[in-house]
Amino acid sequence: MGIPDGPVPREIPAATMDAVQELSDNLGTGLNRESLEILTRLCDYGVNPAALAAVVVELRKERDALAAAGDPDALARKEQDERERLERAEARDRRDD
């Protein structure tokens, strides 16, 4: 599957990217705005969002495996970072209620 022919999608409106960033933050994806813009553009080109999500998950697994291979404490730090991120998200949710 290649990128479809046709016009290149226009600039993504800031309000749209703000909403995408907020959704991403609420879901705890850990994706930065640049990554979200790239993924959003790929969706605009017709790439399947579920396929993109699967690629992101696999890339993270590979990154974590490489980090663990070179640093035995990498996975423990990653798990701690994940716990802290979830705690921040829960605190934010409590504030919003």
N, C-alpha and C. Protein backbone atom coordinates (compact mmCIF):
# COMPACT_ATOMS: atom_id res chain seq x y z
N MET A 1 0.84 -1.17 0.00
CA MET A 1 0.00 0.00 0.00
C MET A 1 0.89 1.24 0.00
N GLY A 2 0.72 2.10 -0.95
CA GLY A 2 1.48 3.33 -1.02
C GLY A 2 0.63 4.52 -0.63
N ILE A 3 1.25 5.68 -0.65
CA ILE A 3 0.51 6.90 -0.37
C ILE A 3 -0.35 7.20 -1.59
N PRO A 4 -1.64 7.46 -1.37
CA PRO A 4 -2.54 7.70 -2.50
C PRO A 4 -2.13 8.93 -3.30
N ASP A 5 -2.40 8.88 -4.60
CA ASP A 5 -2.20 10.05 -5.44
C ASP A 5 -3.25 11.08 -5.09
N GLY A 6 -2.98 12.30 -5.42
CA GLY A 6 -3.96 13.35 -5.18
C GLY A 6 -3.34 14.48 -4.40
N PRO A 7 -4.17 15.44 -4.06
CA PRO A 7 -3.64 16.62 -3.38
C PRO A 7 -3.11 16.27 -1.99
N VAL A 8 -2.07 16.98 -1.61
CA VAL A 8 -1.49 16.83 -0.28
C VAL A 8 -2.45 17.50 0.70
N PRO A 9 -2.77 16.84 1.81
CA PRO A 9 -3.66 17.50 2.78
C PRO A 9 -3.08 18.83 3.23
N ARG A 10 -3.97 19.77 3.44
CA ARG A 10 -3.53 21.09 3.88
C ARG A 10 -3.01 21.05 5.31
N GLU A 11 -2.53 22.20 5.73
CA GLU A 11 -2.04 22.34 7.10
C GLU A 11 -3.15 21.94 8.07
N ILE A 12 -2.77 21.22 9.11
CA ILE A 12 -3.74 20.81 10.11
C ILE A 12 -4.02 22.01 11.00
N PRO A 13 -5.28 22.39 11.15
CA PRO A 13 -5.59 23.56 11.98
C PRO A 13 -5.10 23.38 13.42
N ALA A 14 -4.65 24.47 14.01
CA ALA A 14 -4.12 24.42 15.38
C ALA A 14 -5.16 23.90 16.36
N ALA A 15 -6.42 24.28 16.16
CA ALA A 15 -7.49 23.82 17.06
C ALA A 15 -7.64 22.30 16.98
N THR A 16 -7.48 21.76 15.79
CA THR A 16 -7.56 20.30 15.63
C THR A 16 -6.40 19.63 16.34
N MET A 17 -5.19 20.16 16.16
CA MET A 17 -4.03 19.57 16.82
C MET A 17 -4.11 19.72 18.33
N ASP A 18 -4.69 20.83 18.80
CA ASP A 18 -4.88 20.99 20.24
C ASP A 18 -5.79 19.89 20.77
N ALA A 19 -6.87 19.60 20.03
CA ALA A 19 -7.80 18.55 20.45
C ALA A 19 -7.13 17.18 20.40
N VAL A 20 -6.35 16.93 19.35
CA VAL A 20 -5.64 15.66 19.23
C VAL A 20 -4.64 15.51 20.38
N GLN A 21 -3.92 16.58 20.70
CA GLN A 21 -2.95 16.54 21.80
C GLN A 21 -3.65 16.28 23.13
N GLU A 22 -4.78 16.94 23.35
CA GLU A 22 -5.52 16.74 24.61
C GLU A 22 -6.02 15.30 24.72
N LEU A 23 -6.55 14.79 23.63
CA LEU A 23 -7.01 13.39 23.63
C LEU A 23 -5.85 12.45 23.90
N SER A 24 -4.73 12.69 23.24
CA SER A 24 -3.54 11.86 23.44
C SER A 24 -3.07 11.91 24.89
N ASP A 25 -3.07 13.11 25.46
CA ASP A 25 -2.65 13.27 26.85
C ASP A 25 -3.61 12.53 27.79
N ASN A 26 -4.91 12.66 27.53
CA ASN A 26 -5.91 11.99 28.37
C ASN A 26 -5.80 10.47 28.28
N LEU A 27 -5.41 9.98 27.11
CA LEU A 27 -5.25 8.54 26.93
C LEU A 27 -3.88 8.05 27.40
N GLY A 28 -3.00 9.00 27.69
CA GLY A 28 -1.68 8.63 28.19
C GLY A 28 -0.80 7.96 27.16
N THR A 29 -0.88 8.43 25.91
CA THR A 29 -0.08 7.80 24.86
C THR A 29 1.40 8.12 24.96
N GLY A 30 1.73 9.27 25.55
CA GLY A 30 3.12 9.67 25.63
C GLY A 30 3.67 10.20 24.32
N LEU A 31 2.80 10.43 23.34
CA LEU A 31 3.25 10.95 22.05
C LEU A 31 3.36 12.47 22.11
N ASN A 32 4.44 13.00 21.55
CA ASN A 32 4.59 14.45 21.52
C ASN A 32 3.82 15.03 20.33
N ARG A 33 3.73 16.34 20.30
CA ARG A 33 2.92 17.00 19.26
C ARG A 33 3.43 16.70 17.85
N GLU A 34 4.75 16.68 17.69
CA GLU A 34 5.31 16.39 16.37
C GLU A 34 4.90 15.00 15.90
N SER A 35 4.99 14.02 16.78
CA SER A 35 4.58 12.66 16.43
C SER A 35 3.09 12.61 16.09
N LEU A 36 2.29 13.31 16.89
CA LEU A 36 0.85 13.33 16.63
C LEU A 36 0.53 13.98 15.28
N GLU A 37 1.27 15.03 14.94
CA GLU A 37 1.05 15.68 13.63
C GLU A 37 1.38 14.72 12.50
N ILE A 38 2.47 13.99 12.64
CA ILE A 38 2.86 13.03 11.61
C ILE A 38 1.79 11.95 11.47
N LEU A 39 1.35 11.41 12.59
CA LEU A 39 0.34 10.35 12.55
C LEU A 39 -0.98 10.88 11.98
N THR A 40 -1.34 12.10 12.35
CA THR A 40 -2.57 12.70 11.82
C THR A 40 -2.48 12.88 10.32
N ARG A 41 -1.32 13.34 9.84
CA ARG A 41 -1.13 13.49 8.38
C ARG A 41 -1.23 12.15 7.67
N LEU A 42 -0.63 11.13 8.25
CA LEU A 42 -0.71 9.81 7.63
C LEU A 42 -2.17 9.36 7.54
N CYS A 43 -2.96 9.64 8.56
CA CYS A 43 -4.39 9.32 8.51
C CYS A 43 -5.07 10.12 7.39
N ASP A 44 -4.68 11.39 7.24
CA ASP A 44 -5.23 12.21 6.16
C ASP A 44 -4.93 11.61 4.79
N TYR A 45 -3.78 10.94 4.69
CA TYR A 45 -3.41 10.29 3.43
C TYR A 45 -4.13 8.96 3.24
N GLY A 46 -4.87 8.53 4.25
CA GLY A 46 -5.63 7.29 4.10
C GLY A 46 -5.03 6.08 4.78
N VAL A 47 -3.96 6.26 5.55
CA VAL A 47 -3.37 5.14 6.27
C VAL A 47 -4.32 4.74 7.39
N ASN A 48 -4.48 3.45 7.59
CA ASN A 48 -5.38 2.91 8.60
C ASN A 48 -4.88 3.28 10.00
N PRO A 49 -5.71 3.98 10.81
CA PRO A 49 -5.28 4.38 12.15
C PRO A 49 -4.92 3.20 13.06
N ALA A 50 -5.64 2.09 12.93
CA ALA A 50 -5.33 0.91 13.74
C ALA A 50 -3.95 0.35 13.38
N ALA A 51 -3.62 0.40 12.10
CA ALA A 51 -2.30 -0.06 11.67
C ALA A 51 -1.21 0.86 12.22
N LEU A 52 -1.46 2.16 12.22
CA LEU A 52 -0.49 3.10 12.79
C LEU A 52 -0.29 2.84 14.27
N ALA A 53 -1.37 2.60 14.99
CA ALA A 53 -1.28 2.32 16.42
C ALA A 53 -0.45 1.06 16.66
N ALA A 54 -0.66 0.04 15.83
CA ALA A 54 0.11 -1.20 15.98
C ALA A 54 1.60 -0.96 15.73
N VAL A 55 1.91 -0.11 14.76
CA VAL A 55 3.31 0.21 14.47
C VAL A 55 3.94 0.94 15.65
N VAL A 56 3.22 1.90 16.23
CA VAL A 56 3.75 2.64 17.38
C VAL A 56 4.02 1.68 18.54
N VAL A 57 3.09 0.77 18.80
CA VAL A 57 3.28 -0.21 19.88
C VAL A 57 4.51 -1.07 19.63
N GLU A 58 4.67 -1.56 18.40
CA GLU A 58 5.81 -2.41 18.08
C GLU A 58 7.13 -1.65 18.17
N LEU A 59 7.14 -0.41 17.70
CA LEU A 59 8.36 0.40 17.79
C LEU A 59 8.75 0.64 19.25
N ARG A 60 7.77 0.86 20.09
CA ARG A 60 8.07 1.06 21.51
C ARG A 60 8.63 -0.22 22.13
N LYS A 61 8.08 -1.36 21.75
CA LYS A 61 8.59 -2.64 22.25
C LYS A 61 10.05 -2.83 21.84
N GLU A 62 10.35 -2.53 20.59
CA GLU A 62 11.73 -2.66 20.11
C GLU A 62 12.65 -1.70 20.84
N ARG A 63 12.20 -0.45 21.02
CA ARG A 63 13.00 0.54 21.73
C ARG A 63 13.30 0.05 23.15
N ASP A 64 12.27 -0.45 23.82
CA ASP A 64 12.45 -0.92 25.20
C ASP A 64 13.37 -2.13 25.26
N ALA A 65 13.26 -3.02 24.30
CA ALA A 65 14.13 -4.20 24.28
C ALA A 65 15.58 -3.79 24.06
N LEU A 66 15.81 -2.85 23.17
CA LEU A 66 17.18 -2.37 22.93
C LEU A 66 17.74 -1.67 24.16
N ALA A 67 16.89 -0.88 24.82
CA ALA A 67 17.34 -0.20 26.02
C ALA A 67 17.68 -1.20 27.11
N ALA A 68 16.85 -2.22 27.25
CA ALA A 68 17.08 -3.23 28.29
C ALA A 68 18.34 -4.03 28.00
N ALA A 69 18.62 -4.28 26.73
CA ALA A 69 19.80 -5.05 26.38
C ALA A 69 21.08 -4.29 26.75
N GLY A 70 21.03 -2.99 26.66
CA GLY A 70 22.21 -2.19 26.97
C GLY A 70 22.24 -1.69 28.40
N ASP A 71 21.11 -1.80 29.09
CA ASP A 71 21.02 -1.26 30.45
C ASP A 71 20.02 -2.10 31.24
N PRO A 72 20.50 -2.93 32.15
CA PRO A 72 19.59 -3.82 32.87
C PRO A 72 18.57 -3.08 33.73
N ASP A 73 18.82 -1.83 34.08
CA ASP A 73 17.88 -1.07 34.90
C ASP A 73 16.86 -0.30 34.06
N ALA A 74 16.96 -0.38 32.74
CA ALA A 74 16.10 0.41 31.85
C ALA A 74 14.63 0.05 32.03
N LEU A 75 14.32 -1.24 32.12
CA LEU A 75 12.92 -1.63 32.25
C LEU A 75 12.33 -1.18 33.58
N ALA A 76 13.10 -1.26 34.64
CA ALA A 76 12.61 -0.80 35.95
C ALA A 76 12.32 0.70 35.91
N ARG A 77 13.21 1.47 35.27
CA ARG A 77 12.98 2.90 35.15
C ARG A 77 11.76 3.19 34.29
N LYS A 78 11.61 2.42 33.22
CA LYS A 78 10.45 2.60 32.35
C LYS A 78 9.16 2.34 33.11
N GLU A 79 9.12 1.27 33.89
CA GLU A 79 7.94 0.95 34.67
C GLU A 79 7.65 2.05 35.69
N GLN A 80 8.69 2.58 36.33
CA GLN A 80 8.52 3.66 37.28
C GLN A 80 7.99 4.91 36.57
N ASP A 81 8.55 5.23 35.42
CA ASP A 81 8.07 6.37 34.64
C ASP A 81 6.60 6.20 34.28
N GLU A 82 6.23 4.99 33.88
CA GLU A 82 4.84 4.70 33.51
C GLU A 82 3.92 4.88 34.72
N ARG A 83 4.34 4.38 35.88
CA ARG A 83 3.52 4.55 37.10
C ARG A 83 3.34 6.03 37.41
N GLU A 84 4.43 6.80 37.31
CA GLU A 84 4.34 8.23 37.59
C GLU A 84 3.44 8.95 36.59
N ARG A 85 3.53 8.56 35.32
CA ARG A 85 2.68 9.16 34.29
C ARG A 85 1.21 8.87 34.59
N LEU A 86 0.90 7.63 34.97
CA LEU A 86 -0.48 7.28 35.30
C LEU A 86 -0.97 8.04 36.53
N GLU A 87 -0.10 8.20 37.51
CA GLU A 87 -0.48 8.96 38.70
C GLU A 87 -0.79 10.41 38.36
N ARG A 88 0.03 11.00 37.47
CA ARG A 88 -0.23 12.37 37.05
C ARG A 88 -1.56 12.47 36.31
N ALA A 89 -1.84 11.49 35.45
CA ALA A 89 -3.09 11.50 34.70
C ALA A 89 -4.28 11.36 35.65
N GLU A 90 -4.16 10.49 36.64
CA GLU A 90 -5.25 10.32 37.61
C GLU A 90 -5.46 11.60 38.41
N ALA A 91 -4.37 12.24 38.82
CA ALA A 91 -4.48 13.51 39.56
C ALA A 91 -5.14 14.57 38.69
N ARG A 92 -4.79 14.62 37.42
CA ARG A 92 -5.40 15.58 36.50
C ARG A 92 -6.88 15.29 36.36
N ASP A 93 -7.26 14.01 36.26
CA ASP A 93 -8.66 13.64 36.14
C ASP A 93 -9.44 14.04 37.39
N ARG A 94 -8.85 13.86 38.57
CA ARG A 94 -9.52 14.25 39.81
C ARG A 94 -9.72 15.76 39.85
N ARG A 95 -8.73 16.53 39.38
CA ARG A 95 -8.86 17.98 39.33
C ARG A 95 -9.97 18.41 38.41
N ASP A 96 -10.10 17.71 37.28
CA ASP A 96 -11.08 18.07 36.26
C ASP A 96 -12.51 17.75 36.70
N ASP A 97 -12.65 16.81 37.65
CA ASP A 97 -14.01 16.43 38.11
C ASP A 97 -14.59 17.43 39.01
